[in-house]
Amino acid sequence: MRILFLTHYFPPEVNAPASRTYEHCRRWVEAGADVTVITCVPNHPRGVIFPGYRNRLWQRDQINGIDVVRVWTFATANEGFLLRTLNYVVFMLMSIAASCFVKRPDVVISTSPQFFAGLAGYVTSRLRRTRWILEIRDLWPESILAVGAIKSKAIIGLLEWLERFAYRKADQIVVVTESFVQHVASHGGTRERIAVITNGVDLSTFQRRERDVALAQELGLGDKFVAAYVGTHGMAHGLKTILEAAEILRHRSDIAILMVGDGAAKAALKEERDQRGLSNVVMLDELPKDKMAQIWSISDASLVLLRNLPLFSTVIPSKIFESMAMERPIILGVVGESARIIEAAQSGILIKPESAEELSAAIRTLADNREHVSALGRHGADYVRTHYDRDKLAATFLDIIRRVAQTTTASDRRRHAGAPAE
């Protein structure tokens, strides 16, 4: 089976969509599929081309059996509406063009957000006369409207029309949370064509490990209780709450906060940390994926936060599963489906989103009871092994792909017979 996957993000980029796509594709290759990924030249989130890559019209390489095609990219930092939109549109056009020069697939998969990458799958599937699976990892444009990134009613109307168009046209829609099903079904999708494949974790990489004492010492964390936020520093996350909590905890010399990642809000957060003189907050830039387990080893608790907006009750931040696999309890400032997972797993403390008082209190509670920390960590690891093993999730996804590919109608086959095969 030939699978063509269109994605804006892919390793060596280390954000959640890049990791999800890579980990699925790698497992599909191991299961015998022929997988081609069309993606950007790696540049996220700063808009700077990664070392070892050039921004050429077309470049091709292999990553663990995955055929990776990288197209010319309008590289720009992950901030500002107009430049990012241009970045998205350019990738849509380039990926569609590139798809005409790879072997004809049995199935085209495109992943959103951003939605222009998703729509590229529709055009590609029509050009190559094959089935189209649309993966929805975030509700778009709802997620950008929720944080106030777009004000124009005309643009909002256009984006909402495109959303409904895509849901109607996709042969199969894969969403990452149960909460997304109702939204997609009410915006043009049909329930029979919607499947849920949650995010998960590679249990061979993320598992309990001993504290990296040398790294802890290097970062000035020593034997302190470390509450870590690892991930995107964006408009949606409300990370100013962490700095406000750090202010409350300033007197606790045995507690430190570690923030690892990059994003549109990173510079402002770093400036505010310095202005407040918060020596108990250590901030690191984005690190390669293979360093994440090392970071979790020096962390005692995981901070998972989003702004207090209704839309975010439908999302499940993927960092939850890595934290659980590493036996790190979670302090969760997100309501809805994420909170239900933490409650079911008995793996953390729930707080009100954007509440510095509750965040600081939760950190104190864990710092003062290490046995409770260990118990929450064990519960989370047991739960994630049962429900969120990436191997099992990728296999379920592949079953869906095979079923969609096999629904080709007789008229489809006749059309394909007359199309040029490569």
Protein backbone atom coordinates (compact mmCIF):
# COMPACT_ATOMS: atom_id res chain seq x y z
CA MET A 1 0.00 0.00 0.00
CA ARG A 2 1.22 3.49 -0.89
CA ILE A 3 0.45 6.30 1.52
CA LEU A 4 1.13 9.95 0.69
CA PHE A 5 1.14 12.18 3.77
CA LEU A 6 1.09 16.00 3.52
CA THR A 7 2.20 17.78 6.67
CA HIS A 8 3.51 21.25 7.40
CA TYR A 9 5.70 19.93 10.24
CA PHE A 10 8.07 16.96 10.36
CA PRO A 11 11.33 16.02 12.15
CA PRO A 12 13.84 17.36 12.86
CA GLU A 13 11.15 19.81 14.02
CA VAL A 14 10.04 18.71 17.47
CA ASN A 15 6.52 20.02 17.98
CA ALA A 16 3.57 17.70 18.65
CA PRO A 17 2.31 17.46 15.03
CA ALA A 18 5.78 16.59 13.73
CA SER A 19 6.17 13.86 16.34
CA ARG A 20 2.71 12.39 15.80
CA THR A 21 3.14 12.18 12.02
CA TYR A 22 6.64 10.73 12.18
CA GLU A 23 5.78 8.13 14.79
CA HIS A 24 2.74 6.94 12.85
CA CYS A 25 4.56 6.86 9.52
CA ARG A 26 7.51 4.95 10.96
CA ARG A 27 5.22 2.26 12.28
CA TRP A 28 3.30 2.04 8.98
CA VAL A 29 6.58 1.45 7.16
CA GLU A 30 7.44 -1.29 9.66
CA ALA A 31 4.03 -2.83 8.88
CA GLY A 32 4.89 -2.98 5.18
CA ALA A 33 3.43 0.25 3.81
CA ASP A 34 5.24 2.47 1.29
CA VAL A 35 5.07 5.93 2.89
CA THR A 36 5.98 9.26 1.30
CA VAL A 37 5.80 12.49 3.31
CA ILE A 38 5.74 15.91 1.65
CA THR A 39 6.69 18.64 4.08
CA CYS A 40 8.49 21.96 4.56
CA VAL A 41 12.18 22.56 4.96
CA PRO A 42 12.54 22.44 8.77
CA ASN A 43 12.28 25.97 10.18
CA HIS A 44 9.65 25.95 12.93
CA PRO A 45 9.18 27.89 15.18
CA ARG A 46 11.72 30.66 14.49
CA GLY A 47 11.52 30.70 10.71
CA VAL A 48 15.23 29.86 10.45
CA ILE A 49 16.28 26.93 8.26
CA PHE A 50 17.79 24.17 10.40
CA PRO A 51 21.52 23.43 10.02
CA GLY A 52 22.25 20.89 7.32
CA TYR A 53 19.27 21.92 5.15
CA ARG A 54 18.93 24.35 2.26
CA ASN A 55 15.73 25.97 1.09
CA ARG A 56 15.63 24.37 -2.34
CA LEU A 57 12.72 23.76 -4.68
CA TRP A 58 12.87 20.00 -4.00
CA GLN A 59 15.01 17.80 -1.81
CA ARG A 60 14.54 14.19 -0.87
CA ASP A 61 15.83 11.93 1.88
CA GLN A 62 14.94 8.83 3.86
CA ILE A 63 14.14 8.74 7.57
CA ASN A 64 13.69 5.22 8.96
CA GLY A 65 12.22 4.01 5.69
CA ILE A 66 9.98 7.03 5.17
CA ASP A 67 10.51 8.77 1.82
CA VAL A 68 10.63 12.46 2.75
CA VAL A 69 10.18 15.19 0.13
CA ARG A 70 10.88 18.73 1.32
CA VAL A 71 9.65 21.59 -0.83
CA TRP A 72 10.67 25.23 -1.04
CA THR A 73 9.33 27.03 2.00
CA PHE A 74 8.48 30.64 2.75
CA ALA A 75 10.18 30.48 6.12
CA THR A 76 8.86 32.84 8.76
CA ALA A 77 8.67 32.89 12.53
CA ASN A 78 5.60 31.40 14.17
CA GLU A 79 4.11 34.83 14.93
CA GLY A 80 2.15 37.45 13.02
CA PHE A 81 -0.93 36.65 10.94
CA LEU A 82 -0.02 37.81 7.43
CA LEU A 83 3.43 36.26 7.10
CA ARG A 84 2.32 32.99 8.63
CA THR A 85 -0.66 32.85 6.30
CA LEU A 86 1.68 33.35 3.34
CA ASN A 87 3.84 30.54 4.73
CA TYR A 88 0.78 28.27 4.88
CA VAL A 89 -0.46 29.11 1.38
CA VAL A 90 2.98 28.61 -0.17
CA PHE A 91 3.24 25.16 1.38
CA MET A 92 -0.21 24.26 0.13
CA LEU A 93 0.74 25.16 -3.44
CA MET A 94 4.19 23.59 -3.28
CA SER A 95 2.93 20.34 -1.75
CA ILE A 96 0.22 20.00 -4.40
CA ALA A 97 2.79 20.51 -7.15
CA ALA A 98 5.24 18.06 -5.56
CA SER A 99 2.55 15.40 -5.23
CA CYS A 100 2.40 15.13 -9.02
CA PHE A 101 5.99 13.83 -9.10
CA VAL A 102 5.75 10.94 -6.63
CA LYS A 103 4.35 7.47 -7.13
CA ARG A 104 0.60 7.48 -7.26
CA PRO A 105 -0.68 6.66 -3.77
CA ASP A 106 -3.57 4.49 -2.70
CA VAL A 107 -4.49 7.07 -0.07
CA VAL A 108 -3.64 10.73 0.52
CA ILE A 109 -3.57 11.94 4.13
CA SER A 110 -3.27 15.59 5.04
CA THR A 111 -3.14 16.97 8.55
CA SER A 112 -4.52 20.16 10.01
CA PRO A 113 -3.85 22.66 11.47
CA GLN A 114 -3.02 24.64 9.67
CA PHE A 115 -6.02 24.17 7.40
CA PHE A 116 -4.30 25.05 4.13
CA ALA A 117 -2.14 21.94 4.55
CA GLY A 118 -5.34 20.01 5.13
CA LEU A 119 -6.93 21.38 1.97
CA ALA A 120 -3.86 20.45 -0.05
CA GLY A 121 -4.94 16.86 0.49
CA TYR A 122 -8.24 17.46 -1.24
CA VAL A 123 -6.63 18.90 -4.38
CA THR A 124 -3.93 16.23 -4.41
CA SER A 125 -6.47 13.41 -4.08
CA ARG A 126 -8.39 14.77 -7.05
CA LEU A 127 -5.27 15.18 -9.17
CA ARG A 128 -4.05 11.69 -8.34
CA ARG A 129 -7.56 10.17 -8.40
CA THR A 130 -7.42 8.53 -5.01
CA ARG A 131 -9.00 8.63 -1.57
CA TRP A 132 -8.46 11.44 0.93
CA ILE A 133 -8.17 11.20 4.72
CA LEU A 134 -8.23 14.50 6.60
CA GLU A 135 -6.64 14.48 10.05
CA ILE A 136 -7.85 17.17 12.47
CA ARG A 137 -5.44 17.73 15.34
CA ASP A 138 -6.92 21.08 16.35
CA LEU A 139 -10.17 22.84 15.52
CA TRP A 140 -9.20 25.41 12.94
CA PRO A 141 -10.10 28.23 12.48
CA GLU A 142 -11.77 28.07 15.93
CA SER A 143 -8.43 27.86 17.74
CA ILE A 144 -7.06 31.05 16.17
CA LEU A 145 -10.35 32.88 16.63
CA ALA A 146 -10.40 31.95 20.31
CA VAL A 147 -7.11 33.75 20.99
CA GLY A 148 -8.12 36.79 18.95
CA ALA A 149 -5.62 36.31 16.12
CA ILE A 150 -8.20 37.25 13.44
CA LYS A 151 -10.79 40.03 13.66
CA SER A 152 -11.98 40.41 10.04
CA LYS A 153 -15.48 38.99 9.58
CA ALA A 154 -14.79 38.43 5.87
CA ILE A 155 -11.69 36.32 6.59
CA ILE A 156 -13.46 34.45 9.35
CA GLY A 157 -16.35 33.68 7.03
CA LEU A 158 -14.01 32.40 4.32
CA LEU A 159 -12.12 30.16 6.72
CA GLU A 160 -15.32 28.71 8.15
CA TRP A 161 -16.56 27.98 4.62
CA LEU A 162 -13.30 26.19 3.83
CA GLU A 163 -13.65 24.18 7.04
CA ARG A 164 -17.12 22.96 6.10
CA PHE A 165 -16.01 22.27 2.53
CA ALA A 166 -13.17 20.05 3.71
CA TYR A 167 -15.36 18.11 6.13
CA ARG A 168 -17.88 17.42 3.37
CA LYS A 169 -15.30 16.30 0.81
CA ALA A 170 -13.03 14.06 2.89
CA ASP A 171 -13.53 10.32 2.44
CA GLN A 172 -12.50 9.86 6.08
CA ILE A 173 -11.84 12.27 8.92
CA VAL A 174 -9.56 11.35 11.82
CA VAL A 175 -9.73 13.51 14.95
CA VAL A 176 -7.59 13.37 18.07
CA THR A 177 -10.27 13.77 20.76
CA GLU A 178 -13.82 12.55 21.32
CA SER A 179 -14.86 16.17 21.83
CA PHE A 180 -14.00 17.01 18.23
CA VAL A 181 -16.52 14.51 16.82
CA GLN A 182 -19.60 16.60 17.57
CA HIS A 183 -18.00 19.77 16.18
CA VAL A 184 -16.94 18.12 12.92
CA ALA A 185 -20.32 16.41 12.53
CA SER A 186 -22.13 19.73 12.98
CA HIS A 187 -19.88 21.50 10.47
CA GLY A 188 -20.30 19.29 7.43
CA GLY A 189 -18.83 15.94 8.40
CA THR A 190 -20.88 12.78 8.84
CA ARG A 191 -20.40 10.64 11.93
CA GLU A 192 -19.88 7.49 9.89
CA ARG A 193 -16.76 9.03 8.35
CA ILE A 194 -15.24 10.30 11.62
CA ALA A 195 -12.79 8.21 13.66
CA VAL A 196 -10.89 9.10 16.83
CA ILE A 197 -7.16 8.33 17.03
CA THR A 198 -5.86 10.11 20.11
CA ASN A 199 -2.34 11.26 20.63
CA GLY A 200 -0.14 8.81 22.48
CA VAL A 201 3.44 8.10 23.43
CA ASP A 202 6.36 5.98 22.27
CA LEU A 203 6.78 3.76 25.30
CA SER A 204 10.18 2.56 24.11
CA THR A 205 11.53 6.11 24.50
CA PHE A 206 9.46 7.56 27.31
CA GLN A 207 9.70 5.46 30.46
CA ARG A 208 10.88 6.07 33.96
CA ARG A 209 14.59 6.79 34.22
CA GLU A 210 16.95 7.90 36.92
CA ARG A 211 17.47 11.61 37.44
CA ASP A 212 20.25 13.06 35.29
CA VAL A 213 22.15 14.55 38.18
CA ALA A 214 24.80 16.18 35.98
CA LEU A 215 22.18 18.02 33.90
CA ALA A 216 20.31 19.11 37.02
CA GLN A 217 23.52 20.54 38.46
CA GLU A 218 24.38 22.22 35.15
CA LEU A 219 21.03 24.03 35.14
CA GLY A 220 21.33 25.06 38.78
CA LEU A 221 18.47 22.80 39.85
CA GLY A 222 20.45 20.49 42.12
CA ASP A 223 18.10 18.46 44.30
CA LYS A 224 15.24 20.98 44.11
CA PHE A 225 11.65 19.98 43.37
CA VAL A 226 11.28 20.89 39.67
CA ALA A 227 7.92 21.68 38.09
CA ALA A 228 8.41 21.66 34.31
CA TYR A 229 6.52 23.16 31.41
CA VAL A 230 7.74 21.58 28.16
CA GLY A 231 6.24 22.66 24.84
CA THR A 232 5.08 25.57 22.77
CA HIS A 233 5.17 29.02 24.37
CA GLY A 234 2.21 30.38 22.43
CA MET A 235 -0.78 32.69 22.67
CA ALA A 236 -3.05 29.82 23.65
CA HIS A 237 -1.14 28.63 26.70
CA GLY A 238 -1.45 31.44 29.25
CA LEU A 239 2.10 30.91 30.49
CA LYS A 240 2.20 34.22 32.32
CA THR A 241 0.40 32.21 35.01
CA ILE A 242 3.63 30.26 35.58
CA LEU A 243 5.56 33.46 36.26
CA GLU A 244 2.87 34.68 38.62
CA ALA A 245 3.01 31.35 40.47
CA ALA A 246 6.82 31.58 40.61
CA GLU A 247 6.43 35.00 42.24
CA ILE A 248 4.24 33.44 44.94
CA LEU A 249 6.79 30.64 45.44
CA ARG A 250 9.81 32.94 45.48
CA HIS A 251 10.47 32.20 49.16
CA ARG A 252 10.66 28.42 48.56
CA SER A 253 14.34 27.87 47.81
CA ASP A 254 13.66 24.14 47.46
CA ILE A 255 11.33 24.64 44.45
CA ALA A 256 12.24 25.61 40.89
CA ILE A 257 10.27 25.95 37.67
CA LEU A 258 11.72 24.79 34.35
CA MET A 259 10.31 26.06 31.04
CA VAL A 260 11.51 24.40 27.83
CA GLY A 261 10.41 25.35 24.33
CA ASP A 262 9.82 28.20 21.94
CA GLY A 263 6.95 30.11 20.41
CA ALA A 264 5.33 33.47 19.81
CA ALA A 265 5.16 34.37 23.51
CA LYS A 266 8.67 33.19 24.48
CA ALA A 267 10.50 36.51 24.19
CA ALA A 268 7.88 38.40 26.21
CA LEU A 269 7.86 35.72 28.91
CA LYS A 270 11.63 35.79 29.20
CA GLU A 271 11.62 39.57 29.45
CA GLU A 272 8.96 39.49 32.18
CA ARG A 273 10.85 36.82 34.10
CA ASP A 274 13.95 39.01 34.11
CA GLN A 275 11.99 42.13 35.07
CA ARG A 276 10.46 40.30 38.01
CA GLY A 277 13.86 38.91 38.99
CA LEU A 278 12.54 35.35 39.16
CA SER A 279 15.70 33.37 39.77
CA ASN A 280 13.53 30.32 40.50
CA VAL A 281 12.51 30.09 36.81
CA VAL A 282 14.93 28.44 34.37
CA MET A 283 14.08 28.89 30.68
CA LEU A 284 15.60 26.78 27.91
CA ASP A 285 15.12 26.99 24.18
CA GLU A 286 13.49 24.22 22.16
CA LEU A 287 15.48 20.98 22.32
CA PRO A 288 15.64 17.97 19.97
CA LYS A 289 13.09 15.24 20.59
CA ASP A 290 15.77 12.81 21.74
CA LYS A 291 16.58 15.15 24.65
CA MET A 292 13.03 15.20 26.03
CA ALA A 293 13.34 12.07 28.15
CA GLN A 294 16.46 13.56 29.71
CA ILE A 295 14.53 16.75 30.54
CA TRP A 296 11.70 14.78 32.11
CA SER A 297 14.21 12.86 34.22
CA ILE A 298 15.19 16.04 36.09
CA SER A 299 11.55 17.13 36.47
CA ASP A 300 9.34 16.10 39.37
CA ALA A 301 6.00 17.32 38.00
CA SER A 302 4.63 18.35 34.61
CA LEU A 303 2.72 21.59 34.08
CA VAL A 304 0.05 21.37 31.36
CA LEU A 305 -1.69 24.68 30.89
CA LEU A 306 -4.02 26.44 28.47
CA ARG A 307 -5.92 29.70 28.64
CA ASN A 308 -9.34 29.72 30.25
CA LEU A 309 -11.32 29.60 26.99
CA PRO A 310 -14.28 27.29 26.20
CA LEU A 311 -12.65 25.91 23.04
CA PHE A 312 -9.79 24.38 25.00
CA SER A 313 -12.13 22.07 26.87
CA THR A 314 -12.05 19.94 23.69
CA VAL A 315 -8.28 19.49 23.40
CA ILE A 316 -5.83 16.99 24.88
CA PRO A 317 -2.26 18.38 24.98
CA SER A 318 0.03 15.58 23.82
CA LYS A 319 2.62 16.32 26.51
CA ILE A 320 0.24 14.69 28.99
CA PHE A 321 1.12 11.24 27.68
CA GLU A 322 4.89 11.73 27.73
CA SER A 323 4.68 12.98 31.32
CA MET A 324 2.59 9.99 32.37
CA ALA A 325 4.91 7.52 30.66
CA MET A 326 7.86 9.05 32.53
CA GLU A 327 5.93 8.65 35.81
CA ARG A 328 5.65 12.38 36.34
CA PRO A 329 2.46 13.67 38.01
CA ILE A 330 0.60 16.37 36.11
CA ILE A 331 -0.67 19.70 37.32
CA LEU A 332 -3.40 20.34 34.78
CA GLY A 333 -4.83 23.78 34.09
CA VAL A 334 -7.19 22.59 31.36
CA VAL A 335 -10.87 21.65 31.70
CA GLY A 336 -12.87 19.09 29.71
CA GLU A 337 -11.52 15.93 28.11
CA SER A 338 -7.96 16.37 29.42
CA ALA A 339 -9.22 16.70 32.97
CA ARG A 340 -11.29 13.53 32.61
CA ILE A 341 -8.17 11.61 31.57
CA ILE A 342 -6.19 12.81 34.59
CA GLU A 343 -9.10 11.97 36.89
CA ALA A 344 -9.53 8.50 35.39
CA ALA A 345 -5.79 7.84 35.64
CA GLN A 346 -5.47 9.36 39.12
CA SER A 347 -2.25 10.88 37.86
CA GLY A 348 -2.29 14.52 38.86
CA ILE A 349 -3.89 17.63 40.34
CA LEU A 350 -6.54 19.66 38.55
CA ILE A 351 -6.47 23.44 38.86
CA LYS A 352 -8.50 26.29 37.44
CA PRO A 353 -6.94 27.54 34.17
CA GLU A 354 -4.92 30.75 34.51
CA SER A 355 -5.00 30.64 38.32
CA ALA A 356 -1.55 31.40 39.72
CA GLU A 357 -2.82 30.81 43.26
CA GLU A 358 -4.02 27.28 42.49
CA LEU A 359 -0.92 26.51 40.44
CA SER A 360 1.44 27.58 43.21
CA ALA A 361 -0.61 25.66 45.79
CA ALA A 362 -0.49 22.48 43.68
CA ILE A 363 3.28 22.77 43.27
CA ARG A 364 3.67 23.20 47.05
CA THR A 365 1.45 20.20 47.71
CA LEU A 366 3.60 17.93 45.57
CA ALA A 367 6.90 19.37 46.78
CA ASP A 368 5.87 18.64 50.36
CA ASN A 369 4.75 15.04 49.74
CA ARG A 370 7.15 13.04 47.63
CA GLU A 371 5.33 9.76 48.34
CA HIS A 372 2.19 11.26 46.77
CA VAL A 373 4.29 12.30 43.77
CA SER A 374 5.49 8.72 43.30
CA ALA A 375 1.98 7.28 43.60
CA LEU A 376 0.52 9.68 41.03
CA GLY A 377 3.41 8.91 38.70
CA ARG A 378 2.86 5.14 38.91
CA HIS A 379 -0.86 5.54 38.28
CA GLY A 380 -0.21 7.62 35.17
CA ALA A 381 2.31 5.17 33.74
CA ASP A 382 -0.06 2.24 34.19
CA TYR A 383 -2.88 4.14 32.53
CA VAL A 384 -0.92 5.37 29.53
CA ARG A 385 0.45 1.88 28.81
CA THR A 386 -3.09 0.58 28.63
CA HIS A 387 -4.77 3.37 26.67
CA TYR A 388 -2.20 5.52 24.83
CA ASP A 389 0.51 3.24 23.46
CA ARG A 390 1.58 4.74 20.12
CA ASP A 391 2.13 1.26 18.63
CA LYS A 392 -1.53 0.34 19.17
CA LEU A 393 -2.83 3.71 17.98
CA ALA A 394 -0.74 3.63 14.79
CA ALA A 395 -2.00 0.11 14.05
CA THR A 396 -5.61 1.26 14.44
CA PHE A 397 -4.95 4.20 12.13
CA LEU A 398 -3.43 1.87 9.54
CA ASP A 399 -6.53 -0.33 9.68
CA ILE A 400 -8.61 2.76 8.84
CA ILE A 401 -6.28 3.64 5.95
CA ARG A 402 -6.59 0.14 4.51
CA ARG A 403 -10.37 0.21 4.77
CA VAL A 404 -10.56 3.60 3.04
CA ALA A 405 -8.24 2.42 0.28
CA GLN A 406 -10.38 -0.66 -0.30
CA THR A 407 -13.56 1.38 -0.80
CA THR A 408 -12.43 2.44 -4.27
CA THR A 409 -15.46 2.04 -6.51
CA ALA A 410 -15.58 0.35 -9.90
CA SER A 411 -15.78 3.75 -11.58
CA ASP A 412 -12.72 4.88 -9.59
CA ARG A 413 -10.81 1.83 -10.82
CA ARG A 414 -11.76 2.57 -14.41
CA ARG A 415 -10.55 6.13 -14.05
CA HIS A 416 -7.31 4.96 -12.46
CA ALA A 417 -6.72 2.50 -15.27
CA GLY A 418 -6.58 5.38 -17.70
CA ALA A 419 -4.34 7.56 -15.52
CA PRO A 420 -0.56 7.53 -15.89
CA ALA A 421 1.11 5.38 -13.25
CA GLU A 422 4.52 6.29 -11.92
